[in-house]
Amino acid sequence: MPRAEEAAGVYGTAAVTAELTCRGWPSGEGKPHRVEADGVAPVLVVGTTGDASTPYEEAVSLAEQFPGGMLLTYEGMGHTAYGRGDACVTEQVDAYLVDLEPVRPDATC
């Protein structure tokens, strides 16, 4: 296990091992499709600026595609931001999910 931990570096063995489920997925130069979501309730998108798996620019684009879409930016590293211990992200996402409190434009944690 020490060799695996050393090879995993800052990501840790749990994060690297979790990615193995994706190893058989096709890869290529495909682009994300546009969202057609007329009539959907406002959607909150959380984008992480240092996410190597999901580019931040895609979170910005996705939030813009939803009618009433909101973007919460997390300035940090890692794949996903909610549920990882950042109080700012947790409080804003919980307030939206529980109380339907919208996230202000340009909200950043």
PDB file of N, CA and C in Angstrom:
ATOM      1  N   MET A   1       0.807  -1.204   0.000  1.00  0.00           N
ATOM      2  CA  MET A   1       0.000   0.000   0.000  1.00  0.00           C
ATOM      3  C   MET A   1       0.849   1.266   0.000  1.00  0.00           C
ATOM      4  N   PRO A   2       2.013   1.305   0.645  1.00  0.00           N
ATOM      5  CA  PRO A   2       2.822   2.527   0.615  1.00  0.00           C
ATOM      6  C   PRO A   2       3.181   2.975  -0.802  1.00  0.00           C
ATOM      7  N   ARG A   3       3.460   2.002  -1.717  1.00  0.00           N
ATOM      8  CA  ARG A   3       3.762   2.376  -3.105  1.00  0.00           C
ATOM      9  C   ARG A   3       2.565   3.045  -3.757  1.00  0.00           C
ATOM     10  N   ALA A   4       1.377   2.540  -3.492  1.00  0.00           N
ATOM     11  CA  ALA A   4       0.159   3.124  -4.070  1.00  0.00           C
ATOM     12  C   ALA A   4      -0.056   4.526  -3.524  1.00  0.00           C
ATOM     13  N   GLU A   5       0.156   4.705  -2.235  1.00  0.00           N
ATOM     14  CA  GLU A   5      -0.017   6.029  -1.640  1.00  0.00           C
ATOM     15  C   GLU A   5       0.980   7.028  -2.219  1.00  0.00           C
ATOM     16  N   GLU A   6       2.207   6.587  -2.422  1.00  0.00           N
ATOM     17  CA  GLU A   6       3.218   7.469  -3.002  1.00  0.00           C
ATOM     18  C   GLU A   6       2.859   7.829  -4.445  1.00  0.00           C
ATOM     19  N   ALA A   7       2.413   6.860  -5.214  1.00  0.00           N
ATOM     20  CA  ALA A   7       2.063   7.106  -6.617  1.00  0.00           C
ATOM     21  C   ALA A   7       0.834   7.997  -6.741  1.00  0.00           C
ATOM     22  N   ALA A   8      -0.105   7.895  -5.784  1.00  0.00           N
ATOM     23  CA  ALA A   8      -1.335   8.684  -5.844  1.00  0.00           C
ATOM     24  C   ALA A   8      -1.078  10.154  -5.545  1.00  0.00           C
ATOM     25  N   GLY A   9      -0.037  10.447  -4.813  1.00  0.00           N
ATOM     26  CA  GLY A   9       0.296  11.845  -4.515  1.00  0.00           C
ATOM     27  C   GLY A   9      -0.797  12.549  -3.744  1.00  0.00           C
ATOM     28  N   VAL A  10      -1.055  13.797  -4.115  1.00  0.00           N
ATOM     29  CA  VAL A  10      -2.006  14.629  -3.382  1.00  0.00           C
ATOM     30  C   VAL A  10      -3.444  14.125  -3.485  1.00  0.00           C
ATOM     31  N   TYR A  11      -3.728  13.271  -4.474  1.00  0.00           N
ATOM     32  CA  TYR A  11      -5.102  12.807  -4.645  1.00  0.00           C
ATOM     33  C   TYR A  11      -5.472  11.717  -3.657  1.00  0.00           C
ATOM     34  N   GLY A  12      -4.498  10.960  -3.176  1.00  0.00           N
ATOM     35  CA  GLY A  12      -4.771   9.889  -2.228  1.00  0.00           C
ATOM     36  C   GLY A  12      -5.281   8.646  -2.924  1.00  0.00           C
ATOM     37  N   THR A  13      -5.046   7.509  -2.294  1.00  0.00           N
ATOM     38  CA  THR A  13      -5.416   6.236  -2.918  1.00  0.00           C
ATOM     39  C   THR A  13      -6.928   6.085  -3.094  1.00  0.00           C
ATOM     40  N   ALA A  14      -7.721   6.613  -2.178  1.00  0.00           N
ATOM     41  CA  ALA A  14      -9.180   6.472  -2.303  1.00  0.00           C
ATOM     42  C   ALA A  14      -9.679   7.164  -3.567  1.00  0.00           C
ATOM     43  N   ALA A  15      -9.174   8.367  -3.842  1.00  0.00           N
ATOM     44  CA  ALA A  15      -9.615   9.091  -5.029  1.00  0.00           C
ATOM     45  C   ALA A  15      -9.162   8.389  -6.301  1.00  0.00           C
ATOM     46  N   VAL A  16      -7.940   7.881  -6.297  1.00  0.00           N
ATOM     47  CA  VAL A  16      -7.426   7.186  -7.479  1.00  0.00           C
ATOM     48  C   VAL A  16      -8.202   5.895  -7.706  1.00  0.00           C
ATOM     49  N   THR A  17      -8.435   5.136  -6.658  1.00  0.00           N
ATOM     50  CA  THR A  17      -9.172   3.882  -6.777  1.00  0.00           C
ATOM     51  C   THR A  17     -10.597   4.114  -7.262  1.00  0.00           C
ATOM     52  N   ALA A  18     -11.232   5.178  -6.808  1.00  0.00           N
ATOM     53  CA  ALA A  18     -12.600   5.491  -7.222  1.00  0.00           C
ATOM     54  C   ALA A  18     -12.680   5.741  -8.725  1.00  0.00           C
ATOM     55  N   GLU A  19     -11.621   6.252  -9.306  1.00  0.00           N
ATOM     56  CA  GLU A  19     -11.610   6.539 -10.735  1.00  0.00           C
ATOM     57  C   GLU A  19     -11.550   5.273 -11.588  1.00  0.00           C
ATOM     58  N   LEU A  20     -11.198   4.145 -11.011  1.00  0.00           N
ATOM     59  CA  LEU A  20     -11.096   2.905 -11.780  1.00  0.00           C
ATOM     60  C   LEU A  20     -12.437   2.493 -12.384  1.00  0.00           C
ATOM     61  N   THR A  21     -13.537   2.910 -11.787  1.00  0.00           N
ATOM     62  CA  THR A  21     -14.847   2.563 -12.343  1.00  0.00           C
ATOM     63  C   THR A  21     -15.052   3.187 -13.720  1.00  0.00           C
ATOM     64  N   CYS A  22     -14.296   4.241 -14.032  1.00  0.00           N
ATOM     65  CA  CYS A  22     -14.443   4.935 -15.313  1.00  0.00           C
ATOM     66  C   CYS A  22     -13.479   4.426 -16.371  1.00  0.00           C
ATOM     67  N   ARG A  23     -12.615   3.498 -16.033  1.00  0.00           N
ATOM     68  CA  ARG A  23     -11.535   3.111 -16.948  1.00  0.00           C
ATOM     69  C   ARG A  23     -12.027   2.541 -18.269  1.00  0.00           C
ATOM     70  N   GLY A  24     -13.186   1.951 -18.327  1.00  0.00           N
ATOM     71  CA  GLY A  24     -13.703   1.375 -19.562  1.00  0.00           C
ATOM     72  C   GLY A  24     -14.542   2.335 -20.394  1.00  0.00           C
ATOM     73  N   TRP A  25     -14.740   3.536 -19.903  1.00  0.00           N
ATOM     74  CA  TRP A  25     -15.555   4.503 -20.641  1.00  0.00           C
ATOM     75  C   TRP A  25     -14.811   4.965 -21.879  1.00  0.00           C
ATOM     76  N   PRO A  26     -15.537   5.238 -22.950  1.00  0.00           N
ATOM     77  CA  PRO A  26     -14.865   5.731 -24.158  1.00  0.00           C
ATOM     78  C   PRO A  26     -14.311   7.134 -23.930  1.00  0.00           C
ATOM     79  N   SER A  27     -13.236   7.427 -24.634  1.00  0.00           N
ATOM     80  CA  SER A  27     -12.673   8.775 -24.556  1.00  0.00           C
ATOM     81  C   SER A  27     -12.634   9.350 -25.959  1.00  0.00           C
ATOM     82  N   GLY A  28     -12.427  10.631 -26.044  1.00  0.00           N
ATOM     83  CA  GLY A  28     -12.380  11.262 -27.352  1.00  0.00           C
ATOM     84  C   GLY A  28     -12.469  12.758 -27.231  1.00  0.00           C
ATOM     85  N   GLU A  29     -12.778  13.370 -28.323  1.00  0.00           N
ATOM     86  CA  GLU A  29     -12.832  14.832 -28.392  1.00  0.00           C
ATOM     87  C   GLU A  29     -14.264  15.347 -28.356  1.00  0.00           C
ATOM     88  N   GLY A  30     -15.201  14.567 -27.844  1.00  0.00           N
ATOM     89  CA  GLY A  30     -16.594  14.982 -27.812  1.00  0.00           C
ATOM     90  C   GLY A  30     -16.797  16.233 -26.979  1.00  0.00           C
ATOM     91  N   LYS A  31     -17.752  17.028 -27.374  1.00  0.00           N
ATOM     92  CA  LYS A  31     -18.106  18.249 -26.663  1.00  0.00           C
ATOM     93  C   LYS A  31     -19.424  18.022 -25.929  1.00  0.00           C
ATOM     94  N   PRO A  32     -19.598  18.657 -24.762  1.00  0.00           N
ATOM     95  CA  PRO A  32     -20.887  18.537 -24.062  1.00  0.00           C
ATOM     96  C   PRO A  32     -22.018  19.100 -24.922  1.00  0.00           C
ATOM     97  N   HIS A  33     -23.187  18.514 -24.799  1.00  0.00           N
ATOM     98  CA  HIS A  33     -24.334  19.014 -25.558  1.00  0.00           C
ATOM     99  C   HIS A  33     -24.984  20.186 -24.831  1.00  0.00           C
ATOM    100  N   ARG A  34     -25.775  20.939 -25.539  1.00  0.00           N
ATOM    101  CA  ARG A  34     -26.511  22.054 -24.955  1.00  0.00           C
ATOM    102  C   ARG A  34     -27.727  21.502 -24.209  1.00  0.00           C
ATOM    103  N   VAL A  35     -28.100  22.170 -23.141  1.00  0.00           N
ATOM    104  CA  VAL A  35     -29.231  21.756 -22.320  1.00  0.00           C
ATOM    105  C   VAL A  35     -30.505  22.427 -22.830  1.00  0.00           C
ATOM    106  N   GLU A  36     -31.550  21.640 -22.975  1.00  0.00           N
ATOM    107  CA  GLU A  36     -32.883  22.160 -23.288  1.00  0.00           C
ATOM    108  C   GLU A  36     -33.710  21.962 -22.029  1.00  0.00           C
ATOM    109  N   ALA A  37     -34.002  23.040 -21.301  1.00  0.00           N
ATOM    110  CA  ALA A  37     -34.644  22.872 -19.992  1.00  0.00           C
ATOM    111  C   ALA A  37     -35.724  23.915 -19.747  1.00  0.00           C
ATOM    112  N   ASP A  38     -36.496  24.228 -20.770  1.00  0.00           N
ATOM    113  CA  ASP A  38     -37.576  25.192 -20.575  1.00  0.00           C
ATOM    114  C   ASP A  38     -38.543  24.694 -19.507  1.00  0.00           C
ATOM    115  N   GLY A  39     -38.938  25.581 -18.620  1.00  0.00           N
ATOM    116  CA  GLY A  39     -39.905  25.244 -17.587  1.00  0.00           C
ATOM    117  C   GLY A  39     -39.330  24.597 -16.349  1.00  0.00           C
ATOM    118  N   VAL A  40     -38.040  24.349 -16.326  1.00  0.00           N
ATOM    119  CA  VAL A  40     -37.434  23.730 -15.152  1.00  0.00           C
ATOM    120  C   VAL A  40     -37.273  24.783 -14.043  1.00  0.00           C
ATOM    121  N   ALA A  41     -37.355  24.333 -12.800  1.00  0.00           N
ATOM    122  CA  ALA A  41     -37.121  25.239 -11.668  1.00  0.00           C
ATOM    123  C   ALA A  41     -35.673  25.728 -11.716  1.00  0.00           C
ATOM    124  N   PRO A  42     -35.369  26.853 -11.084  1.00  0.00           N
ATOM    125  CA  PRO A  42     -33.980  27.345 -11.091  1.00  0.00           C
ATOM    126  C   PRO A  42     -33.005  26.265 -10.608  1.00  0.00           C
ATOM    127  N   VAL A  43     -31.886  26.178 -11.283  1.00  0.00           N
ATOM    128  CA  VAL A  43     -30.879  25.157 -11.001  1.00  0.00           C
ATOM    129  C   VAL A  43     -29.631  25.829 -10.449  1.00  0.00           C
ATOM    130  N   LEU A  44     -29.062  25.241  -9.401  1.00  0.00           N
ATOM    131  CA  LEU A  44     -27.815  25.719  -8.836  1.00  0.00           C
ATOM    132  C   LEU A  44     -26.690  24.821  -9.320  1.00  0.00           C
ATOM    133  N   VAL A  45     -25.691  25.426  -9.962  1.00  0.00           N
ATOM    134  CA  VAL A  45     -24.505  24.707 -10.429  1.00  0.00           C
ATOM    135  C   VAL A  45     -23.341  25.156  -9.563  1.00  0.00           C
ATOM    136  N   VAL A  46     -22.583  24.202  -9.038  1.00  0.00           N
ATOM    137  CA  VAL A  46     -21.391  24.525  -8.259  1.00  0.00           C
ATOM    138  C   VAL A  46     -20.184  24.170  -9.113  1.00  0.00           C
ATOM    139  N   GLY A  47     -19.351  25.177  -9.405  1.00  0.00           N
ATOM    140  CA  GLY A  47     -18.162  24.964 -10.223  1.00  0.00           C
ATOM    141  C   GLY A  47     -16.904  25.162  -9.402  1.00  0.00           C
ATOM    142  N   THR A  48     -15.961  24.248  -9.548  1.00  0.00           N
ATOM    143  CA  THR A  48     -14.688  24.320  -8.831  1.00  0.00           C
ATOM    144  C   THR A  48     -13.606  24.763  -9.805  1.00  0.00           C
ATOM    145  N   THR A  49     -12.896  25.832  -9.468  1.00  0.00           N
ATOM    146  CA  THR A  49     -11.909  26.392 -10.389  1.00  0.00           C
ATOM    147  C   THR A  49     -10.728  25.466 -10.640  1.00  0.00           C
ATOM    148  N   GLY A  50     -10.397  24.612  -9.694  1.00  0.00           N
ATOM    149  CA  GLY A  50      -9.251  23.721  -9.843  1.00  0.00           C
ATOM    150  C   GLY A  50      -9.644  22.276 -10.032  1.00  0.00           C
ATOM    151  N   ASP A  51     -10.726  22.024 -10.752  1.00  0.00           N
ATOM    152  CA  ASP A  51     -11.204  20.659 -10.981  1.00  0.00           C
ATOM    153  C   ASP A  51     -10.652  20.157 -12.308  1.00  0.00           C
ATOM    154  N   ALA A  52      -9.732  19.218 -12.251  1.00  0.00           N
ATOM    155  CA  ALA A  52      -9.122  18.685 -13.472  1.00  0.00           C
ATOM    156  C   ALA A  52     -10.079  17.775 -14.242  1.00  0.00           C
ATOM    157  N   SER A  53     -11.117  17.265 -13.593  1.00  0.00           N
ATOM    158  CA  SER A  53     -12.059  16.362 -14.246  1.00  0.00           C
ATOM    159  C   SER A  53     -13.184  17.108 -14.957  1.00  0.00           C
ATOM    160  N   THR A  54     -13.650  18.183 -14.361  1.00  0.00           N
ATOM    161  CA  THR A  54     -14.759  18.946 -14.915  1.00  0.00           C
ATOM    162  C   THR A  54     -14.323  20.405 -15.006  1.00  0.00           C
ATOM    163  N   PRO A  55     -13.980  20.873 -16.192  1.00  0.00           N
ATOM    164  CA  PRO A  55     -13.491  22.252 -16.327  1.00  0.00           C
ATOM    165  C   PRO A  55     -14.490  23.286 -15.812  1.00  0.00           C
ATOM    166  N   TYR A  56     -13.978  24.271 -15.112  1.00  0.00           N
ATOM    167  CA  TYR A  56     -14.812  25.323 -14.543  1.00  0.00           C
ATOM    168  C   TYR A  56     -15.658  26.013 -15.625  1.00  0.00           C
ATOM    169  N   GLU A  57     -15.071  26.192 -16.804  1.00  0.00           N
ATOM    170  CA  GLU A  57     -15.784  26.862 -17.898  1.00  0.00           C
ATOM    171  C   GLU A  57     -17.077  26.131 -18.254  1.00  0.00           C
ATOM    172  N   GLU A  58     -17.094  24.818 -18.084  1.00  0.00           N
ATOM    173  CA  GLU A  58     -18.304  24.052 -18.363  1.00  0.00           C
ATOM    174  C   GLU A  58     -19.387  24.323 -17.318  1.00  0.00           C
ATOM    175  N   ALA A  59     -18.985  24.554 -16.070  1.00  0.00           N
ATOM    176  CA  ALA A  59     -19.957  24.907 -15.033  1.00  0.00           C
ATOM    177  C   ALA A  59     -20.579  26.259 -15.347  1.00  0.00           C
ATOM    178  N   VAL A  60     -19.750  27.215 -15.774  1.00  0.00           N
ATOM    179  CA  VAL A  60     -20.252  28.540 -16.155  1.00  0.00           C
ATOM    180  C   VAL A  60     -21.258  28.398 -17.292  1.00  0.00           C
ATOM    181  N   SER A  61     -20.893  27.647 -18.311  1.00  0.00           N
ATOM    182  CA  SER A  61     -21.763  27.444 -19.465  1.00  0.00           C
ATOM    183  C   SER A  61     -23.074  26.768 -19.070  1.00  0.00           C
ATOM    184  N   LEU A  62     -22.980  25.742 -18.235  1.00  0.00           N
ATOM    185  CA  LEU A  62     -24.178  25.013 -17.817  1.00  0.00           C
ATOM    186  C   LEU A  62     -25.136  25.917 -17.051  1.00  0.00           C
ATOM    187  N   ALA A  63     -24.616  26.696 -16.124  1.00  0.00           N
ATOM    188  CA  ALA A  63     -25.474  27.603 -15.357  1.00  0.00           C
ATOM    189  C   ALA A  63     -26.175  28.603 -16.268  1.00  0.00           C
ATOM    190  N   GLU A  64     -25.479  29.055 -17.303  1.00  0.00           N
ATOM    191  CA  GLU A  64     -26.068  30.016 -18.240  1.00  0.00           C
ATOM    192  C   GLU A  64     -27.160  29.395 -19.105  1.00  0.00           C
ATOM    193  N   GLN A  65     -27.108  28.089 -19.304  1.00  0.00           N
ATOM    194  CA  GLN A  65     -28.079  27.415 -20.166  1.00  0.00           C
ATOM    195  C   GLN A  65     -29.427  27.183 -19.491  1.00  0.00           C
ATOM    196  N   PHE A  66     -29.453  27.154 -18.173  1.00  0.00           N
ATOM    197  CA  PHE A  66     -30.711  26.932 -17.457  1.00  0.00           C
ATOM    198  C   PHE A  66     -31.443  28.254 -17.254  1.00  0.00           C
ATOM    199  N   PRO A  67     -32.737  28.282 -17.514  1.00  0.00           N
ATOM    200  CA  PRO A  67     -33.498  29.489 -17.189  1.00  0.00           C
ATOM    201  C   PRO A  67     -33.420  29.717 -15.679  1.00  0.00           C
ATOM    202  N   GLY A  68     -32.967  30.870 -15.262  1.00  0.00           N
ATOM    203  CA  GLY A  68     -32.818  31.140 -13.839  1.00  0.00           C
ATOM    204  C   GLY A  68     -31.656  30.392 -13.218  1.00  0.00           C
ATOM    205  N   GLY A  69     -30.735  29.889 -14.019  1.00  0.00           N
ATOM    206  CA  GLY A  69     -29.589  29.142 -13.504  1.00  0.00           C
ATOM    207  C   GLY A  69     -28.698  30.009 -12.634  1.00  0.00           C
ATOM    208  N   MET A  70     -28.133  29.404 -11.605  1.00  0.00           N
ATOM    209  CA  MET A  70     -27.241  30.110 -10.679  1.00  0.00           C
ATOM    210  C   MET A  70     -25.926  29.372 -10.620  1.00  0.00           C
ATOM    211  N   LEU A  71     -24.829  30.125 -10.467  1.00  0.00           N
ATOM    212  CA  LEU A  71     -23.508  29.539 -10.360  1.00  0.00           C
ATOM    213  C   LEU A  71     -22.894  29.919  -9.030  1.00  0.00           C
ATOM    214  N   LEU A  72     -22.444  28.918  -8.299  1.00  0.00           N
ATOM    215  CA  LEU A  72     -21.658  29.125  -7.088  1.00  0.00           C
ATOM    216  C   LEU A  72     -20.248  28.667  -7.422  1.00  0.00           C
ATOM    217  N   THR A  73     -19.285  29.584  -7.341  1.00  0.00           N
ATOM    218  CA  THR A  73     -17.899  29.270  -7.665  1.00  0.00           C
ATOM    219  C   THR A  73     -17.129  28.933  -6.401  1.00  0.00           C
ATOM    220  N   TYR A  74     -16.447  27.786  -6.450  1.00  0.00           N
ATOM    221  CA  TYR A  74     -15.544  27.411  -5.368  1.00  0.00           C
ATOM    222  C   TYR A  74     -14.124  27.561  -5.894  1.00  0.00           C
ATOM    223  N   GLU A  75     -13.381  28.473  -5.305  1.00  0.00           N
ATOM    224  CA  GLU A  75     -11.993  28.680  -5.703  1.00  0.00           C
ATOM    225  C   GLU A  75     -11.116  27.712  -4.926  1.00  0.00           C
ATOM    226  N   GLY A  76     -10.796  26.615  -5.558  1.00  0.00           N
ATOM    227  CA  GLY A  76      -9.999  25.593  -4.895  1.00  0.00           C
ATOM    228  C   GLY A  76      -9.759  24.418  -5.810  1.00  0.00           C
ATOM    229  N   MET A  77      -9.081  23.429  -5.274  1.00  0.00           N
ATOM    230  CA  MET A  77      -8.723  22.230  -6.028  1.00  0.00           C
ATOM    231  C   MET A  77      -9.697  21.103  -5.719  1.00  0.00           C
ATOM    232  N   GLY A  78      -9.748  20.142  -6.618  1.00  0.00           N
ATOM    233  CA  GLY A  78     -10.519  18.934  -6.389  1.00  0.00           C
ATOM    234  C   GLY A  78     -11.744  18.838  -7.266  1.00  0.00           C
ATOM    235  N   HIS A  79     -12.247  17.620  -7.360  1.00  0.00           N
ATOM    236  CA  HIS A  79     -13.445  17.338  -8.148  1.00  0.00           C
ATOM    237  C   HIS A  79     -14.647  17.419  -7.224  1.00  0.00           C
ATOM    238  N   THR A  80     -15.475  18.365  -7.441  1.00  0.00           N
ATOM    239  CA  THR A  80     -16.664  18.719  -6.663  1.00  0.00           C
ATOM    240  C   THR A  80     -16.289  19.546  -5.434  1.00  0.00           C
ATOM    241  N   ALA A  81     -17.254  20.268  -4.919  1.00  0.00           N
ATOM    242  CA  ALA A  81     -16.998  21.121  -3.756  1.00  0.00           C
ATOM    243  C   ALA A  81     -17.972  20.856  -2.615  1.00  0.00           C
ATOM    244  N   TYR A  82     -19.182  20.477  -2.930  1.00  0.00           N
ATOM    245  CA  TYR A  82     -20.185  20.270  -1.883  1.00  0.00           C
ATOM    246  C   TYR A  82     -19.878  18.981  -1.128  1.00  0.00           C
ATOM    247  N   GLY A  83     -19.988  19.044   0.181  1.00  0.00           N
ATOM    248  CA  GLY A  83     -19.772  17.864   1.000  1.00  0.00           C
ATOM    249  C   GLY A  83     -18.312  17.570   1.295  1.00  0.00           C
ATOM    250  N   ARG A  84     -17.439  18.532   1.016  1.00  0.00           N
ATOM    251  CA  ARG A  84     -16.011  18.315   1.252  1.00  0.00           C
ATOM    252  C   ARG A  84     -15.496  19.144   2.414  1.00  0.00           C
ATOM    253  N   GLY A  85     -16.383  19.739   3.200  1.00  0.00           N
ATOM    254  CA  GLY A  85     -15.966  20.416   4.415  1.00  0.00           C
ATOM    255  C   GLY A  85     -15.855  21.921   4.338  1.00  0.00           C
ATOM    256  N   ASP A  86     -16.109  22.520   3.179  1.00  0.00           N
ATOM    257  CA  ASP A  86     -16.047  23.978   3.081  1.00  0.00           C
ATOM    258  C   ASP A  86     -17.381  24.563   3.541  1.00  0.00           C
ATOM    259  N   ALA A  87     -17.364  25.295   4.654  1.00  0.00           N
ATOM    260  CA  ALA A  87     -18.593  25.811   5.252  1.00  0.00           C
ATOM    261  C   ALA A  87     -19.326  26.761   4.316  1.00  0.00           C
ATOM    262  N   CYS A  88     -18.588  27.575   3.574  1.00  0.00           N
ATOM    263  CA  CYS A  88     -19.208  28.532   2.653  1.00  0.00           C
ATOM    264  C   CYS A  88     -20.057  27.813   1.607  1.00  0.00           C
ATOM    265  N   VAL A  89     -19.492  26.781   0.987  1.00  0.00           N
ATOM    266  CA  VAL A  89     -20.223  26.016  -0.025  1.00  0.00           C
ATOM    267  C   VAL A  89     -21.400  25.302   0.614  1.00  0.00           C
ATOM    268  N   THR A  90     -21.159  24.614   1.710  1.00  0.00           N
ATOM    269  CA  THR A  90     -22.214  23.848   2.373  1.00  0.00           C
ATOM    270  C   THR A  90     -23.391  24.731   2.759  1.00  0.00           C
ATOM    271  N   GLU A  91     -23.115  25.871   3.360  1.00  0.00           N
ATOM    272  CA  GLU A  91     -24.197  26.761   3.804  1.00  0.00           C
ATOM    273  C   GLU A  91     -25.029  27.271   2.628  1.00  0.00           C
ATOM    274  N   GLN A  92     -24.373  27.648   1.529  1.00  0.00           N
ATOM    275  CA  GLN A  92     -25.124  28.196   0.398  1.00  0.00           C
ATOM    276  C   GLN A  92     -25.924  27.126  -0.336  1.00  0.00           C
ATOM    277  N   VAL A  93     -25.336  25.949  -0.503  1.00  0.00           N
ATOM    278  CA  VAL A  93     -26.062  24.867  -1.172  1.00  0.00           C
ATOM    279  C   VAL A  93     -27.220  24.393  -0.290  1.00  0.00           C
ATOM    280  N   ASP A  94     -26.975  24.204   0.997  1.00  0.00           N
ATOM    281  CA  ASP A  94     -28.049  23.785   1.899  1.00  0.00           C
ATOM    282  C   ASP A  94     -29.180  24.811   1.928  1.00  0.00           C
ATOM    283  N   ALA A  95     -28.836  26.093   1.951  1.00  0.00           N
ATOM    284  CA  ALA A  95     -29.871  27.141   1.976  1.00  0.00           C
ATOM    285  C   ALA A  95     -30.727  27.082   0.716  1.00  0.00           C
ATOM    286  N   TYR A  96     -30.107  26.740  -0.402  1.00  0.00           N
ATOM    287  CA  TYR A  96     -30.888  26.619  -1.636  1.00  0.00           C
ATOM    288  C   TYR A  96     -31.755  25.360  -1.618  1.00  0.00           C
ATOM    289  N   LEU A  97     -31.160  24.233  -1.249  1.00  0.00           N
ATOM    290  CA  LEU A  97     -31.896  22.977  -1.279  1.00  0.00           C
ATOM    291  C   LEU A  97     -33.004  22.906  -0.241  1.00  0.00           C
ATOM    292  N   VAL A  98     -32.787  23.475   0.937  1.00  0.00           N
ATOM    293  CA  VAL A  98     -33.760  23.376   2.023  1.00  0.00           C
ATOM    294  C   VAL A  98     -34.778  24.508   1.978  1.00  0.00           C
ATOM    295  N   ASP A  99     -34.278  25.741   1.781  1.00  0.00           N
ATOM    296  CA  ASP A  99     -35.160  26.906   1.873  1.00  0.00           C
ATOM    297  C   ASP A  99     -35.411  27.601   0.537  1.00  0.00           C
ATOM    298  N   LEU A 100     -34.871  27.048  -0.554  1.00  0.00           N
ATOM    299  CA  LEU A 100     -34.965  27.641  -1.894  1.00  0.00           C
ATOM    300  C   LEU A 100     -34.424  29.072  -1.929  1.00  0.00           C
ATOM    301  N   GLU A 101     -33.440  29.333  -1.084  1.00  0.00           N
ATOM    302  CA  GLU A 101     -32.795  30.643  -1.055  1.00  0.00           C
ATOM    303  C   GLU A 101     -31.817  30.730  -2.220  1.00  0.00           C
ATOM    304  N   PRO A 102     -32.052  31.642  -3.169  1.00  0.00           N
ATOM    305  CA  PRO A 102     -31.171  31.709  -4.338  1.00  0.00           C
ATOM    306  C   PRO A 102     -29.762  32.172  -3.972  1.00  0.00           C
ATOM    307  N   VAL A 103     -28.817  31.724  -4.753  1.00  0.00           N
ATOM    308  CA  VAL A 103     -27.432  32.148  -4.590  1.00  0.00           C
ATOM    309  C   VAL A 103     -27.277  33.453  -5.356  1.00  0.00           C
ATOM    310  N   ARG A 104     -26.617  34.422  -4.747  1.00  0.00           N
ATOM    311  CA  ARG A 104     -26.458  35.727  -5.393  1.00  0.00           C
ATOM    312  C   ARG A 104     -25.548  35.606  -6.612  1.00  0.00           C
ATOM    313  N   PRO A 105     -25.729  36.467  -7.617  1.00  0.00           N
ATOM    314  CA  PRO A 105     -24.833  36.443  -8.775  1.00  0.00           C
ATOM    315  C   PRO A 105     -23.392  36.651  -8.324  1.00  0.00           C
ATOM    316  N   ASP A 106     -22.471  36.005  -8.983  1.00  0.00           N
ATOM    317  CA  ASP A 106     -21.033  36.090  -8.689  1.00  0.00           C
ATOM    318  C   ASP A 106     -20.678  35.554  -7.305  1.00  0.00           C
ATOM    319  N   ALA A 107     -21.487  34.665  -6.761  1.00  0.00           N
ATOM    320  CA  ALA A 107     -21.188  34.069  -5.446  1.00  0.00           C
ATOM    321  C   ALA A 107     -19.935  33.222  -5.547  1.00  0.00           C
ATOM    322  N   THR A 108     -19.009  33.452  -4.619  1.00  0.00           N
ATOM    323  CA  THR A 108     -17.725  32.756  -4.630  1.00  0.00           C
ATOM    324  C   THR A 108     -17.360  32.327  -3.218  1.00  0.00           C
ATOM    325  N   CYS A 109     -16.803  31.139  -3.101  1.00  0.00           N
ATOM    326  CA  CYS A 109     -16.309  30.634  -1.819  1.00  0.00           C
ATOM    327  C   CYS A 109     -14.816  30.370  -1.956  1.00  0.00           C
TER     328      CYS A 109
END
